Amino acid sequence: MSLATKNRKRKIRRKARTSAKVRANSGSLARVSVFRSLKQIYGQVIDDSNHNTLTFCSTTELKEQKGDKTELAKQAGVLLATKALEKGITKAAFDRGSYLYHGRVKAFAEGLREGGLQV
């Protein structure tokens, strides 16, 4: 087995482990899932009981905004929180997936809190 395959499998296991913990401890709360690519960050609010996405946001929607990737991630978090509050969602569980709670992922979560969503 190659090193790339081992790393991919580790990442999948880590994501499954953290997502399972979030689902088990959140109860009936909505879940905010984060995906981080090299250039963008994406977030979505998911209702696990009905298995559907309630709202989503990404840094691609912030065309006119300036700043580095961390600042854009924070602004995307604020935008997602605003969209979630419009849908009537005030509390959610934060699912970081396989990413460390550091850098852009942390800035995204802080943006959610600044936007008024209890994470």
PDB file of N, CA and C in Angstrom:
ATOM      1  N   MET A   1       0.853  -1.170   0.000  1.00  0.00           N
ATOM      2  CA  MET A   1       0.000   0.000   0.000  1.00  0.00           C
ATOM      3  C   MET A   1       0.901   1.236   0.000  1.00  0.00           C
ATOM      4  N   SER A   2       0.593   2.176  -0.866  1.00  0.00           N
ATOM      5  CA  SER A   2       1.425   3.369  -0.975  1.00  0.00           C
ATOM      6  C   SER A   2       1.140   4.347   0.164  1.00  0.00           C
ATOM      7  N   LEU A   3       2.034   5.275   0.334  1.00  0.00           N
ATOM      8  CA  LEU A   3       1.900   6.265   1.397  1.00  0.00           C
ATOM      9  C   LEU A   3       0.673   7.155   1.167  1.00  0.00           C
ATOM     10  N   ALA A   4       0.411   7.504  -0.086  1.00  0.00           N
ATOM     11  CA  ALA A   4      -0.750   8.340  -0.394  1.00  0.00           C
ATOM     12  C   ALA A   4      -2.044   7.625  -0.036  1.00  0.00           C
ATOM     13  N   THR A   5      -2.119   6.336  -0.301  1.00  0.00           N
ATOM     14  CA  THR A   5      -3.308   5.561   0.033  1.00  0.00           C
ATOM     15  C   THR A   5      -3.499   5.470   1.539  1.00  0.00           C
ATOM     16  N   LYS A   6      -2.407   5.280   2.282  1.00  0.00           N
ATOM     17  CA  LYS A   6      -2.493   5.230   3.736  1.00  0.00           C
ATOM     18  C   LYS A   6      -2.979   6.559   4.307  1.00  0.00           C
ATOM     19  N   ASN A   7      -2.447   7.660   3.784  1.00  0.00           N
ATOM     20  CA  ASN A   7      -2.854   8.981   4.262  1.00  0.00           C
ATOM     21  C   ASN A   7      -4.322   9.261   3.957  1.00  0.00           C
ATOM     22  N   ARG A   8      -4.772   8.843   2.790  1.00  0.00           N
ATOM     23  CA  ARG A   8      -6.170   9.032   2.411  1.00  0.00           C
ATOM     24  C   ARG A   8      -7.087   8.244   3.341  1.00  0.00           C
ATOM     25  N   LYS A   9      -6.699   7.013   3.643  1.00  0.00           N
ATOM     26  CA  LYS A   9      -7.508   6.182   4.543  1.00  0.00           C
ATOM     27  C   LYS A   9      -7.523   6.754   5.956  1.00  0.00           C
ATOM     28  N   ARG A  10      -6.383   7.274   6.421  1.00  0.00           N
ATOM     29  CA  ARG A  10      -6.324   7.906   7.741  1.00  0.00           C
ATOM     30  C   ARG A  10      -7.250   9.110   7.813  1.00  0.00           C
ATOM     31  N   LYS A  11      -7.254   9.906   6.749  1.00  0.00           N
ATOM     32  CA  LYS A  11      -8.101  11.095   6.714  1.00  0.00           C
ATOM     33  C   LYS A  11      -9.580  10.707   6.755  1.00  0.00           C
ATOM     34  N   ILE A  12      -9.945   9.665   6.031  1.00  0.00           N
ATOM     35  CA  ILE A  12     -11.330   9.202   6.018  1.00  0.00           C
ATOM     36  C   ILE A  12     -11.746   8.707   7.402  1.00  0.00           C
ATOM     37  N   ARG A  13     -10.865   7.940   8.066  1.00  0.00           N
ATOM     38  CA  ARG A  13     -11.163   7.455   9.419  1.00  0.00           C
ATOM     39  C   ARG A  13     -11.297   8.616  10.401  1.00  0.00           C
ATOM     40  N   ARG A  14     -10.395   9.610  10.301  1.00  0.00           N
ATOM     41  CA  ARG A  14     -10.432  10.763  11.202  1.00  0.00           C
ATOM     42  C   ARG A  14     -11.729  11.551  11.016  1.00  0.00           C
ATOM     43  N   LYS A  15     -12.139  11.737   9.760  1.00  0.00           N
ATOM     44  CA  LYS A  15     -13.381  12.460   9.483  1.00  0.00           C
ATOM     45  C   LYS A  15     -14.581  11.700  10.030  1.00  0.00           C
ATOM     46  N   ALA A  16     -14.614  10.395   9.833  1.00  0.00           N
ATOM     47  CA  ALA A  16     -15.724   9.587  10.334  1.00  0.00           C
ATOM     48  C   ALA A  16     -15.783   9.623  11.855  1.00  0.00           C
ATOM     49  N   ARG A  17     -14.624   9.581  12.502  1.00  0.00           N
ATOM     50  CA  ARG A  17     -14.577   9.600  13.963  1.00  0.00           C
ATOM     51  C   ARG A  17     -15.085  10.930  14.517  1.00  0.00           C
ATOM     52  N   THR A  18     -14.619  12.057  13.973  1.00  0.00           N
ATOM     53  CA  THR A  18     -15.050  13.356  14.505  1.00  0.00           C
ATOM     54  C   THR A  18     -16.518  13.628  14.179  1.00  0.00           C
ATOM     55  N   SER A  19     -16.951  13.255  12.977  1.00  0.00           N
ATOM     56  CA  SER A  19     -18.356  13.467  12.617  1.00  0.00           C
ATOM     57  C   SER A  19     -19.285  12.619  13.474  1.00  0.00           C
ATOM     58  N   ALA A  20     -18.878  11.386  13.783  1.00  0.00           N
ATOM     59  CA  ALA A  20     -19.702  10.524  14.631  1.00  0.00           C
ATOM     60  C   ALA A  20     -19.824  11.084  16.037  1.00  0.00           C
ATOM     61  N   LYS A  21     -18.733  11.631  16.566  1.00  0.00           N
ATOM     62  CA  LYS A  21     -18.783  12.248  17.892  1.00  0.00           C
ATOM     63  C   LYS A  21     -19.698  13.458  17.907  1.00  0.00           C
ATOM     64  N   VAL A  22     -19.625  14.265  16.861  1.00  0.00           N
ATOM     65  CA  VAL A  22     -20.479  15.456  16.790  1.00  0.00           C
ATOM     66  C   VAL A  22     -21.946  15.048  16.719  1.00  0.00           C
ATOM     67  N   ARG A  23     -22.249  14.051  15.892  1.00  0.00           N
ATOM     68  CA  ARG A  23     -23.635  13.597  15.766  1.00  0.00           C
ATOM     69  C   ARG A  23     -24.151  13.007  17.070  1.00  0.00           C
ATOM     70  N   ALA A  24     -23.316  12.258  17.771  1.00  0.00           N
ATOM     71  CA  ALA A  24     -23.736  11.618  19.011  1.00  0.00           C
ATOM     72  C   ALA A  24     -23.981  12.635  20.121  1.00  0.00           C
ATOM     73  N   ASN A  25     -23.178  13.684  20.173  1.00  0.00           N
ATOM     74  CA  ASN A  25     -23.278  14.654  21.252  1.00  0.00           C
ATOM     75  C   ASN A  25     -24.201  15.828  20.953  1.00  0.00           C
ATOM     76  N   SER A  26     -24.590  16.011  19.711  1.00  0.00           N
ATOM     77  CA  SER A  26     -25.394  17.185  19.366  1.00  0.00           C
ATOM     78  C   SER A  26     -26.892  16.956  19.542  1.00  0.00           C
ATOM     79  N   GLY A  27     -27.341  15.724  19.563  1.00  0.00           N
ATOM     80  CA  GLY A  27     -28.771  15.462  19.716  1.00  0.00           C
ATOM     81  C   GLY A  27     -29.540  15.870  18.473  1.00  0.00           C
ATOM     82  N   SER A  28     -30.477  16.782  18.627  1.00  0.00           N
ATOM     83  CA  SER A  28     -31.318  17.201  17.503  1.00  0.00           C
ATOM     84  C   SER A  28     -30.850  18.517  16.895  1.00  0.00           C
ATOM     85  N   LEU A  29     -29.655  18.976  17.255  1.00  0.00           N
ATOM     86  CA  LEU A  29     -29.144  20.226  16.698  1.00  0.00           C
ATOM     87  C   LEU A  29     -28.755  20.046  15.240  1.00  0.00           C
ATOM     88  N   ALA A  30     -28.787  21.148  14.507  1.00  0.00           N
ATOM     89  CA  ALA A  30     -28.258  21.144  13.156  1.00  0.00           C
ATOM     90  C   ALA A  30     -26.736  21.058  13.244  1.00  0.00           C
ATOM     91  N   ARG A  31     -26.108  20.613  12.168  1.00  0.00           N
ATOM     92  CA  ARG A  31     -24.663  20.437  12.151  1.00  0.00           C
ATOM     93  C   ARG A  31     -24.065  21.327  11.077  1.00  0.00           C
ATOM     94  N   VAL A  32     -22.987  22.049  11.422  1.00  0.00           N
ATOM     95  CA  VAL A  32     -22.269  22.873  10.458  1.00  0.00           C
ATOM     96  C   VAL A  32     -21.036  22.096  10.023  1.00  0.00           C
ATOM     97  N   SER A  33     -21.019  21.681   8.769  1.00  0.00           N
ATOM     98  CA  SER A  33     -19.913  20.910   8.230  1.00  0.00           C
ATOM     99  C   SER A  33     -19.016  21.825   7.403  1.00  0.00           C
ATOM    100  N   VAL A  34     -17.697  21.611   7.495  1.00  0.00           N
ATOM    101  CA  VAL A  34     -16.721  22.466   6.817  1.00  0.00           C
ATOM    102  C   VAL A  34     -15.887  21.623   5.860  1.00  0.00           C
ATOM    103  N   PHE A  35     -15.651  22.185   4.669  1.00  0.00           N
ATOM    104  CA  PHE A  35     -14.713  21.603   3.725  1.00  0.00           C
ATOM    105  C   PHE A  35     -13.726  22.676   3.328  1.00  0.00           C
ATOM    106  N   ARG A  36     -12.449  22.330   3.386  1.00  0.00           N
ATOM    107  CA  ARG A  36     -11.395  23.292   3.080  1.00  0.00           C
ATOM    108  C   ARG A  36     -10.608  22.773   1.888  1.00  0.00           C
ATOM    109  N   SER A  37     -10.585  23.560   0.815  1.00  0.00           N
ATOM    110  CA  SER A  37      -9.729  23.224  -0.313  1.00  0.00           C
ATOM    111  C   SER A  37      -8.505  24.137  -0.272  1.00  0.00           C
ATOM    112  N   LEU A  38      -7.667  24.062  -1.272  1.00  0.00           N
ATOM    113  CA  LEU A  38      -6.470  24.896  -1.258  1.00  0.00           C
ATOM    114  C   LEU A  38      -6.797  26.374  -1.380  1.00  0.00           C
ATOM    115  N   LYS A  39      -7.833  26.721  -2.137  1.00  0.00           N
ATOM    116  CA  LYS A  39      -8.144  28.131  -2.367  1.00  0.00           C
ATOM    117  C   LYS A  39      -9.418  28.605  -1.667  1.00  0.00           C
ATOM    118  N   GLN A  40     -10.360  27.731  -1.442  1.00  0.00           N
ATOM    119  CA  GLN A  40     -11.668  28.122  -0.916  1.00  0.00           C
ATOM    120  C   GLN A  40     -11.974  27.378   0.372  1.00  0.00           C
ATOM    121  N   ILE A  41     -13.015  27.836   1.067  1.00  0.00           N
ATOM    122  CA  ILE A  41     -13.563  27.112   2.213  1.00  0.00           C
ATOM    123  C   ILE A  41     -15.076  27.097   2.041  1.00  0.00           C
ATOM    124  N   TYR A  42     -15.679  25.969   2.314  1.00  0.00           N
ATOM    125  CA  TYR A  42     -17.105  25.770   2.122  1.00  0.00           C
ATOM    126  C   TYR A  42     -17.720  25.333   3.442  1.00  0.00           C
ATOM    127  N   GLY A  43     -18.913  25.803   3.729  1.00  0.00           N
ATOM    128  CA  GLY A  43     -19.626  25.393   4.926  1.00  0.00           C
ATOM    129  C   GLY A  43     -21.081  25.155   4.599  1.00  0.00           C
ATOM    130  N   GLN A  44     -21.676  24.198   5.283  1.00  0.00           N
ATOM    131  CA  GLN A  44     -23.091  23.933   5.087  1.00  0.00           C
ATOM    132  C   GLN A  44     -23.732  23.538   6.404  1.00  0.00           C
ATOM    133  N   VAL A  45     -24.981  23.939   6.559  1.00  0.00           N
ATOM    134  CA  VAL A  45     -25.762  23.580   7.734  1.00  0.00           C
ATOM    135  C   VAL A  45     -26.630  22.402   7.334  1.00  0.00           C
ATOM    136  N   ILE A  46     -26.480  21.300   8.069  1.00  0.00           N
ATOM    137  CA  ILE A  46     -27.118  20.041   7.711  1.00  0.00           C
ATOM    138  C   ILE A  46     -28.082  19.619   8.813  1.00  0.00           C
ATOM    139  N   ASP A  47     -29.265  19.164   8.419  1.00  0.00           N
ATOM    140  CA  ASP A  47     -30.222  18.568   9.346  1.00  0.00           C
ATOM    141  C   ASP A  47     -30.072  17.057   9.228  1.00  0.00           C
ATOM    142  N   ASP A  48     -29.455  16.431  10.245  1.00  0.00           N
ATOM    143  CA  ASP A  48     -29.172  14.995  10.176  1.00  0.00           C
ATOM    144  C   ASP A  48     -30.421  14.139  10.324  1.00  0.00           C
ATOM    145  N   SER A  49     -31.467  14.652  10.945  1.00  0.00           N
ATOM    146  CA  SER A  49     -32.674  13.841  11.101  1.00  0.00           C
ATOM    147  C   SER A  49     -33.390  13.658   9.764  1.00  0.00           C
ATOM    148  N   ASN A  50     -33.377  14.681   8.914  1.00  0.00           N
ATOM    149  CA  ASN A  50     -34.014  14.580   7.596  1.00  0.00           C
ATOM    150  C   ASN A  50     -33.017  14.332   6.474  1.00  0.00           C
ATOM    151  N   HIS A  51     -31.717  14.352   6.781  1.00  0.00           N
ATOM    152  CA  HIS A  51     -30.655  14.112   5.808  1.00  0.00           C
ATOM    153  C   HIS A  51     -30.711  15.094   4.646  1.00  0.00           C
ATOM    154  N   ASN A  52     -30.790  16.391   4.968  1.00  0.00           N
ATOM    155  CA  ASN A  52     -30.758  17.386   3.901  1.00  0.00           C
ATOM    156  C   ASN A  52     -29.976  18.622   4.350  1.00  0.00           C
ATOM    157  N   THR A  53     -29.503  19.357   3.369  1.00  0.00           N
ATOM    158  CA  THR A  53     -28.755  20.581   3.615  1.00  0.00           C
ATOM    159  C   THR A  53     -29.742  21.731   3.706  1.00  0.00           C
ATOM    160  N   LEU A  54     -29.639  22.499   4.800  1.00  0.00           N
ATOM    161  CA  LEU A  54     -30.550  23.616   5.011  1.00  0.00           C
ATOM    162  C   LEU A  54     -30.051  24.882   4.321  1.00  0.00           C
ATOM    163  N   THR A  55     -28.761  25.167   4.435  1.00  0.00           N
ATOM    164  CA  THR A  55     -28.169  26.313   3.758  1.00  0.00           C
ATOM    165  C   THR A  55     -26.674  26.079   3.627  1.00  0.00           C
ATOM    166  N   PHE A  56     -26.046  26.816   2.731  1.00  0.00           N
ATOM    167  CA  PHE A  56     -24.613  26.648   2.510  1.00  0.00           C
ATOM    168  C   PHE A  56     -23.990  27.988   2.135  1.00  0.00           C
ATOM    169  N   CYS A  57     -22.671  28.035   2.220  1.00  0.00           N
ATOM    170  CA  CYS A  57     -21.937  29.242   1.885  1.00  0.00           C
ATOM    171  C   CYS A  57     -20.497  28.865   1.566  1.00  0.00           C
ATOM    172  N   SER A  58     -19.846  29.676   0.763  1.00  0.00           N
ATOM    173  CA  SER A  58     -18.431  29.455   0.477  1.00  0.00           C
ATOM    174  C   SER A  58     -17.764  30.797   0.201  1.00  0.00           C
ATOM    175  N   THR A  59     -16.458  30.776   0.124  1.00  0.00           N
ATOM    176  CA  THR A  59     -15.726  32.007  -0.157  1.00  0.00           C
ATOM    177  C   THR A  59     -15.869  32.425  -1.610  1.00  0.00           C
ATOM    178  N   THR A  60     -16.402  31.564  -2.467  1.00  0.00           N
ATOM    179  CA  THR A  60     -16.626  31.956  -3.858  1.00  0.00           C
ATOM    180  C   THR A  60     -17.744  32.984  -3.964  1.00  0.00           C
ATOM    181  N   GLU A  61     -18.607  33.065  -2.945  1.00  0.00           N
ATOM    182  CA  GLU A  61     -19.678  34.057  -2.935  1.00  0.00           C
ATOM    183  C   GLU A  61     -19.173  35.439  -2.527  1.00  0.00           C
ATOM    184  N   LEU A  62     -17.937  35.520  -2.061  1.00  0.00           N
ATOM    185  CA  LEU A  62     -17.372  36.776  -1.592  1.00  0.00           C
ATOM    186  C   LEU A  62     -16.436  37.360  -2.652  1.00  0.00           C
ATOM    187  N   LYS A  63     -16.947  37.621  -3.837  1.00  0.00           N
ATOM    188  CA  LYS A  63     -16.123  38.089  -4.956  1.00  0.00           C
ATOM    189  C   LYS A  63     -15.506  39.457  -4.679  1.00  0.00           C
ATOM    190  N   GLU A  64     -16.282  40.379  -4.104  1.00  0.00           N
ATOM    191  CA  GLU A  64     -15.809  41.755  -3.929  1.00  0.00           C
ATOM    192  C   GLU A  64     -14.987  41.944  -2.658  1.00  0.00           C
ATOM    193  N   GLN A  65     -14.892  40.925  -1.813  1.00  0.00           N
ATOM    194  CA  GLN A  65     -14.141  41.038  -0.563  1.00  0.00           C
ATOM    195  C   GLN A  65     -12.648  40.859  -0.824  1.00  0.00           C
ATOM    196  N   LYS A  66     -11.840  41.536  -0.007  1.00  0.00           N
ATOM    197  CA  LYS A  66     -10.389  41.438  -0.123  1.00  0.00           C
ATOM    198  C   LYS A  66      -9.821  40.885   1.175  1.00  0.00           C
ATOM    199  N   GLY A  67      -8.631  40.370   1.112  1.00  0.00           N
ATOM    200  CA  GLY A  67      -7.957  39.859   2.290  1.00  0.00           C
ATOM    201  C   GLY A  67      -7.340  38.506   2.013  1.00  0.00           C
ATOM    202  N   ASP A  68      -6.647  37.978   3.024  1.00  0.00           N
ATOM    203  CA  ASP A  68      -6.059  36.659   2.855  1.00  0.00           C
ATOM    204  C   ASP A  68      -7.130  35.592   3.096  1.00  0.00           C
ATOM    205  N   LYS A  69      -6.744  34.334   2.949  1.00  0.00           N
ATOM    206  CA  LYS A  69      -7.713  33.238   3.021  1.00  0.00           C
ATOM    207  C   LYS A  69      -8.347  33.115   4.400  1.00  0.00           C
ATOM    208  N   THR A  70      -7.610  33.451   5.451  1.00  0.00           N
ATOM    209  CA  THR A  70      -8.154  33.374   6.808  1.00  0.00           C
ATOM    210  C   THR A  70      -9.241  34.425   7.014  1.00  0.00           C
ATOM    211  N   GLU A  71      -9.005  35.637   6.546  1.00  0.00           N
ATOM    212  CA  GLU A  71     -10.017  36.690   6.669  1.00  0.00           C
ATOM    213  C   GLU A  71     -11.259  36.357   5.849  1.00  0.00           C
ATOM    214  N   LEU A  72     -11.061  35.809   4.654  1.00  0.00           N
ATOM    215  CA  LEU A  72     -12.196  35.420   3.824  1.00  0.00           C
ATOM    216  C   LEU A  72     -12.991  34.291   4.469  1.00  0.00           C
ATOM    217  N   ALA A  73     -12.302  33.368   5.152  1.00  0.00           N
ATOM    218  CA  ALA A  73     -12.991  32.282   5.841  1.00  0.00           C
ATOM    219  C   ALA A  73     -13.864  32.837   6.963  1.00  0.00           C
ATOM    220  N   LYS A  74     -13.370  33.834   7.670  1.00  0.00           N
ATOM    221  CA  LYS A  74     -14.152  34.451   8.745  1.00  0.00           C
ATOM    222  C   LYS A  74     -15.385  35.149   8.177  1.00  0.00           C
ATOM    223  N   GLN A  75     -15.220  35.858   7.065  1.00  0.00           N
ATOM    224  CA  GLN A  75     -16.349  36.531   6.422  1.00  0.00           C
ATOM    225  C   GLN A  75     -17.368  35.523   5.904  1.00  0.00           C
ATOM    226  N   ALA A  76     -16.901  34.376   5.398  1.00  0.00           N
ATOM    227  CA  ALA A  76     -17.813  33.320   4.945  1.00  0.00           C
ATOM    228  C   ALA A  76     -18.588  32.748   6.125  1.00  0.00           C
ATOM    229  N   GLY A  77     -17.949  32.634   7.283  1.00  0.00           N
ATOM    230  CA  GLY A  77     -18.635  32.165   8.483  1.00  0.00           C
ATOM    231  C   GLY A  77     -19.738  33.114   8.911  1.00  0.00           C
ATOM    232  N   VAL A  78     -19.463  34.415   8.845  1.00  0.00           N
ATOM    233  CA  VAL A  78     -20.481  35.406   9.183  1.00  0.00           C
ATOM    234  C   VAL A  78     -21.649  35.313   8.208  1.00  0.00           C
ATOM    235  N   LEU A  79     -21.350  35.147   6.924  1.00  0.00           N
ATOM    236  CA  LEU A  79     -22.404  35.034   5.914  1.00  0.00           C
ATOM    237  C   LEU A  79     -23.249  33.780   6.125  1.00  0.00           C
ATOM    238  N   LEU A  80     -22.617  32.655   6.459  1.00  0.00           N
ATOM    239  CA  LEU A  80     -23.371  31.419   6.715  1.00  0.00           C
ATOM    240  C   LEU A  80     -24.242  31.562   7.961  1.00  0.00           C
ATOM    241  N   ALA A  81     -23.724  32.229   8.989  1.00  0.00           N
ATOM    242  CA  ALA A  81     -24.520  32.449  10.201  1.00  0.00           C
ATOM    243  C   ALA A  81     -25.737  33.315   9.886  1.00  0.00           C
ATOM    244  N   THR A  82     -25.558  34.313   9.059  1.00  0.00           N
ATOM    245  CA  THR A  82     -26.679  35.172   8.660  1.00  0.00           C
ATOM    246  C   THR A  82     -27.738  34.366   7.905  1.00  0.00           C
ATOM    247  N   LYS A  83     -27.292  33.518   6.994  1.00  0.00           N
ATOM    248  CA  LYS A  83     -28.234  32.680   6.244  1.00  0.00           C
ATOM    249  C   LYS A  83     -28.959  31.697   7.163  1.00  0.00           C
ATOM    250  N   ALA A  84     -28.233  31.149   8.139  1.00  0.00           N
ATOM    251  CA  ALA A  84     -28.843  30.194   9.072  1.00  0.00           C
ATOM    252  C   ALA A  84     -29.864  30.887   9.961  1.00  0.00           C
ATOM    253  N   LEU A  85     -29.559  32.090  10.415  1.00  0.00           N
ATOM    254  CA  LEU A  85     -30.510  32.826  11.251  1.00  0.00           C
ATOM    255  C   LEU A  85     -31.769  33.186  10.479  1.00  0.00           C
ATOM    256  N   GLU A  86     -31.637  33.454   9.180  1.00  0.00           N
ATOM    257  CA  GLU A  86     -32.815  33.722   8.347  1.00  0.00           C
ATOM    258  C   GLU A  86     -33.708  32.489   8.257  1.00  0.00           C
ATOM    259  N   LYS A  87     -33.104  31.298   8.297  1.00  0.00           N
ATOM    260  CA  LYS A  87     -33.869  30.045   8.254  1.00  0.00           C
ATOM    261  C   LYS A  87     -34.422  29.648   9.616  1.00  0.00           C
ATOM    262  N   GLY A  88     -34.061  30.401  10.666  1.00  0.00           N
ATOM    263  CA  GLY A  88     -34.567  30.108  11.998  1.00  0.00           C
ATOM    264  C   GLY A  88     -33.671  29.197  12.816  1.00  0.00           C
ATOM    265  N   ILE A  89     -32.438  29.022  12.403  1.00  0.00           N
ATOM    266  CA  ILE A  89     -31.497  28.169  13.125  1.00  0.00           C
ATOM    267  C   ILE A  89     -30.642  29.064  14.010  1.00  0.00           C
ATOM    268  N   THR A  90     -30.685  28.838  15.321  1.00  0.00           N
ATOM    269  CA  THR A  90     -29.908  29.670  16.244  1.00  0.00           C
ATOM    270  C   THR A  90     -28.764  28.902  16.884  1.00  0.00           C
ATOM    271  N   LYS A  91     -28.871  27.575  16.971  1.00  0.00           N
ATOM    272  CA  LYS A  91     -27.830  26.738  17.572  1.00  0.00           C
ATOM    273  C   LYS A  91     -27.450  25.639  16.593  1.00  0.00           C
ATOM    274  N   ALA A  92     -26.161  25.314  16.583  1.00  0.00           N
ATOM    275  CA  ALA A  92     -25.685  24.245  15.715  1.00  0.00           C
ATOM    276  C   ALA A  92     -24.426  23.635  16.312  1.00  0.00           C
ATOM    277  N   ALA A  93     -24.123  22.425  15.905  1.00  0.00           N
ATOM    278  CA  ALA A  93     -22.898  21.749  16.309  1.00  0.00           C
ATOM    279  C   ALA A  93     -21.874  21.917  15.190  1.00  0.00           C
ATOM    280  N   PHE A  94     -20.642  22.229  15.534  1.00  0.00           N
ATOM    281  CA  PHE A  94     -19.591  22.475  14.544  1.00  0.00           C
ATOM    282  C   PHE A  94     -18.840  21.186  14.258  1.00  0.00           C
ATOM    283  N   ASP A  95     -18.857  20.758  13.003  1.00  0.00           N
ATOM    284  CA  ASP A  95     -18.177  19.542  12.562  1.00  0.00           C
ATOM    285  C   ASP A  95     -16.983  19.955  11.708  1.00  0.00           C
ATOM    286  N   ARG A  96     -15.785  19.820  12.284  1.00  0.00           N
ATOM    287  CA  ARG A  96     -14.576  20.233  11.580  1.00  0.00           C
ATOM    288  C   ARG A  96     -14.087  19.181  10.598  1.00  0.00           C
ATOM    289  N   GLY A  97     -14.682  18.013  10.614  1.00  0.00           N
ATOM    290  CA  GLY A  97     -14.279  16.945   9.708  1.00  0.00           C
ATOM    291  C   GLY A  97     -12.907  16.417  10.051  1.00  0.00           C
ATOM    292  N   SER A  98     -12.043  16.296   9.067  1.00  0.00           N
ATOM    293  CA  SER A  98     -10.703  15.763   9.298  1.00  0.00           C
ATOM    294  C   SER A  98      -9.671  16.863   9.528  1.00  0.00           C
ATOM    295  N   TYR A  99     -10.128  18.118   9.603  1.00  0.00           N
ATOM    296  CA  TYR A  99      -9.210  19.245   9.731  1.00  0.00           C
ATOM    297  C   TYR A  99      -8.989  19.609  11.192  1.00  0.00           C
ATOM    298  N   LEU A 100      -7.799  20.111  11.493  1.00  0.00           N
ATOM    299  CA  LEU A 100      -7.515  20.613  12.826  1.00  0.00           C
ATOM    300  C   LEU A 100      -8.283  21.900  13.067  1.00  0.00           C
ATOM    301  N   TYR A 101      -8.646  22.146  14.322  1.00  0.00           N
ATOM    302  CA  TYR A 101      -9.314  23.400  14.672  1.00  0.00           C
ATOM    303  C   TYR A 101      -8.231  24.466  14.779  1.00  0.00           C
ATOM    304  N   HIS A 102      -7.814  24.976  13.618  1.00  0.00           N
ATOM    305  CA  HIS A 102      -6.680  25.875  13.539  1.00  0.00           C
ATOM    306  C   HIS A 102      -6.759  26.622  12.211  1.00  0.00           C
ATOM    307  N   GLY A 103      -6.301  27.835  12.169  1.00  0.00           N
ATOM    308  CA  GLY A 103      -6.200  28.575  10.916  1.00  0.00           C
ATOM    309  C   GLY A 103      -7.558  28.939  10.344  1.00  0.00           C
ATOM    310  N   ARG A 104      -7.777  28.532   9.093  1.00  0.00           N
ATOM    311  CA  ARG A 104      -9.008  28.908   8.400  1.00  0.00           C
ATOM    312  C   ARG A 104     -10.249  28.273   8.997  1.00  0.00           C
ATOM    313  N   VAL A 105     -10.123  27.044   9.493  1.00  0.00           N
ATOM    314  CA  VAL A 105     -11.274  26.367  10.107  1.00  0.00           C
ATOM    315  C   VAL A 105     -11.674  27.098  11.385  1.00  0.00           C
ATOM    316  N   LYS A 106     -10.699  27.501  12.184  1.00  0.00           N
ATOM    317  CA  LYS A 106     -10.972  28.247  13.411  1.00  0.00           C
ATOM    318  C   LYS A 106     -11.568  29.616  13.085  1.00  0.00           C
ATOM    319  N   ALA A 107     -11.046  30.292  12.058  1.00  0.00           N
ATOM    320  CA  ALA A 107     -11.579  31.590  11.653  1.00  0.00           C
ATOM    321  C   ALA A 107     -13.024  31.455  11.171  1.00  0.00           C
ATOM    322  N   PHE A 108     -13.329  30.366  10.473  1.00  0.00           N
ATOM    323  CA  PHE A 108     -14.698  30.119  10.010  1.00  0.00           C
ATOM    324  C   PHE A 108     -15.643  29.967  11.200  1.00  0.00           C
ATOM    325  N   ALA A 109     -15.218  29.209  12.211  1.00  0.00           N
ATOM    326  CA  ALA A 109     -16.043  29.018  13.411  1.00  0.00           C
ATOM    327  C   ALA A 109     -16.224  30.329  14.167  1.00  0.00           C
ATOM    328  N   GLU A 110     -15.176  31.139  14.252  1.00  0.00           N
ATOM    329  CA  GLU A 110     -15.301  32.435  14.917  1.00  0.00           C
ATOM    330  C   GLU A 110     -16.243  33.355  14.144  1.00  0.00           C
ATOM    331  N   GLY A 111     -16.214  33.268  12.821  1.00  0.00           N
ATOM    332  CA  GLY A 111     -17.150  34.034  12.006  1.00  0.00           C
ATOM    333  C   GLY A 111     -18.592  33.614  12.245  1.00  0.00           C
ATOM    334  N   LEU A 112     -18.812  32.317  12.436  1.00  0.00           N
ATOM    335  CA  LEU A 112     -20.158  31.833  12.759  1.00  0.00           C
ATOM    336  C   LEU A 112     -20.640  32.441  14.067  1.00  0.00           C
ATOM    337  N   ARG A 113     -19.752  32.484  15.061  1.00  0.00           N
ATOM    338  CA  ARG A 113     -20.116  33.045  16.365  1.00  0.00           C
ATOM    339  C   ARG A 113     -20.366  34.550  16.258  1.00  0.00           C
ATOM    340  N   GLU A 114     -19.539  35.245  15.479  1.00  0.00           N
ATOM    341  CA  GLU A 114     -19.736  36.690  15.304  1.00  0.00           C
ATOM    342  C   GLU A 114     -21.066  36.976  14.599  1.00  0.00           C
ATOM    343  N   GLY A 115     -21.455  36.094  13.692  1.00  0.00           N
ATOM    344  CA  GLY A 115     -22.691  36.276  12.965  1.00  0.00           C
ATOM    345  C   GLY A 115     -23.935  35.997  13.800  1.00  0.00           C
ATOM    346  N   GLY A 116     -23.771  35.453  15.010  1.00  0.00           N
ATOM    347  CA  GLY A 116     -24.896  35.246  15.890  1.00  0.00           C
ATOM    348  C   GLY A 116     -25.330  33.808  16.055  1.00  0.00           C
ATOM    349  N   LEU A 117     -24.624  32.872  15.440  1.00  0.00           N
ATOM    350  CA  LEU A 117     -24.968  31.453  15.577  1.00  0.00           C
ATOM    351  C   LEU A 117     -24.239  30.872  16.768  1.00  0.00           C
ATOM    352  N   GLN A 118     -24.953  30.140  17.617  1.00  0.00           N
ATOM    353  CA  GLN A 118     -24.328  29.505  18.776  1.00  0.00           C
ATOM    354  C   GLN A 118     -23.757  28.162  18.346  1.00  0.00           C
ATOM    355  N   VAL A 119     -22.425  28.104  18.353  1.00  0.00           N
ATOM    356  CA  VAL A 119     -21.726  26.884  17.916  1.00  0.00           C
ATOM    357  C   VAL A 119     -21.013  26.293  19.096  1.00  0.00           C
TER     358      VAL A 119
END
